[in-house]
Protein backbone atom coordinates (compact mmCIF):
# COMPACT_ATOMS: atom_id res chain seq x y z
CA MET A 1 -23.71 58.75 5.93
CA ASN A 2 -25.64 60.03 8.70
CA GLY A 3 -22.79 61.45 10.39
CA ALA A 4 -22.58 58.60 13.53
CA PRO A 5 -18.97 57.66 14.52
CA SER A 6 -17.97 55.04 12.58
CA SER A 7 -16.18 51.89 14.59
CA LEU A 8 -14.49 50.49 11.42
CA VAL A 9 -12.05 53.50 11.48
CA SER A 10 -8.87 52.47 13.12
CA PRO A 11 -5.19 53.79 12.65
CA GLY A 12 -4.16 51.16 10.71
CA LEU A 13 -0.58 49.45 10.37
CA TRP A 14 1.10 52.95 9.55
CA GLY A 15 0.02 54.65 13.10
CA PHE A 16 1.06 51.49 14.57
CA VAL A 17 4.51 51.61 12.93
CA ALA A 18 4.40 55.70 13.36
CA PHE A 19 3.63 54.73 17.22
CA PHE A 20 6.62 52.31 17.24
CA VAL A 21 9.04 54.55 15.92
CA LEU A 22 8.17 57.03 18.26
CA ALA A 23 8.85 54.93 20.94
CA LEU A 24 11.78 53.28 19.85
CA ALA A 25 13.40 56.93 19.37
CA LEU A 26 12.21 58.22 22.95
CA TYR A 27 14.21 54.67 24.22
CA LEU A 28 17.20 55.71 22.71
CA LEU A 29 17.27 59.35 23.74
CA MET A 30 16.43 58.20 27.18
CA ARG A 31 19.56 55.68 27.11
CA ASN A 32 21.71 58.57 25.67
CA MET A 33 20.93 61.07 28.46
CA ASN A 34 21.39 58.45 31.52
CA ALA A 35 24.70 57.34 29.94
CA ARG A 36 25.86 61.29 29.86
CA MET A 37 24.52 62.14 33.27
CA ARG A 38 26.22 59.06 34.73
CA ARG A 39 29.53 60.57 32.86
CA MET A 40 28.86 64.33 34.19
CA SER A 41 28.36 62.78 37.35
CA TYR A 42 31.57 60.87 37.77
CA ARG A 43 33.33 63.88 36.55
CA SER A 44 31.88 66.26 39.19
CA GLN A 45 32.73 63.72 41.90
CA GLU A 46 36.59 63.35 40.72
CA LEU A 47 36.94 67.24 40.52
CA ALA A 48 35.26 67.56 44.04
CA LYS A 49 37.91 64.74 45.29
CA GLU A 50 40.77 66.88 43.40
CA ALA A 51 39.80 70.11 44.61
CA GLU A 52 38.87 68.54 48.27
CA ARG A 53 42.97 67.06 47.96
CA ALA A 54 44.29 70.43 46.79
CA GLU A 55 42.45 71.99 49.84
CA GLN A 56 44.23 69.24 52.47
CA GLU A 57 47.67 69.98 50.88
CA ARG A 58 47.19 73.67 51.08
CA ARG A 59 46.22 73.44 54.66
CA ALA A 60 48.97 71.02 55.49
CA ARG A 61 51.59 73.31 54.03
CA LYS A 62 49.93 76.34 55.90
CA GLN A 63 50.02 74.67 59.15
CA ARG A 64 53.72 73.55 58.54
CA PRO A 65 55.93 75.70 57.23
CA SER A 66 59.39 74.25 56.50
CA GLY A 67 62.68 75.21 55.15
CA PRO A 68 64.20 79.04 55.13
CA ALA A 69 61.38 80.57 54.41
CA ALA A 70 59.47 79.35 57.64
CA THR A 71 62.77 80.77 59.41
CA ASP A 72 62.30 84.26 57.75
CA GLU A 73 58.83 84.27 58.43
CA ARG A 74 59.52 83.64 62.28
CA ARG A 75 62.04 86.29 62.16
CA GLY A 76 59.28 88.59 60.21
CA THR A 77 62.20 89.37 57.34
CA GLY A 78 60.55 87.98 54.67
CA ASP A 79 57.22 87.21 53.16
CA GLY A 80 57.56 83.32 53.14
CA GLY A 81 58.60 83.43 49.19
CA ASP A 82 61.49 81.40 47.74
CA ALA A 83 64.33 80.98 49.79
CA GLN A 84 66.66 82.03 47.35
CA GLU A 85 65.30 85.55 47.45
CA HIS A 86 66.27 85.51 51.13
CA THR A 87 69.81 84.05 50.94
CA GLY A 88 71.45 85.94 48.17
CA GLU A 89 71.75 82.88 46.07
CA LYS A 90 71.85 83.30 42.40
CA ASP A 91 71.01 80.97 39.62
């Protein structure tokens, strides 16, 4: 016992078990995180596609007005709203 480090001291079986449990927990957490990130990515791609489709539909409606509302807009007599407002039809 002169204070020299002993080479006989090691973590032992319990040190290995603790390290193994931590490594297993890390593996499971990373696997779960990757699955969640993948799902989030798919959802954001779907939302982006839906937004693009809605924007294209809005542009198409804006470029090609049709029906009585379009004729009222050209005459300058309406705001392009519901055709029933301009024709006097009732429900």
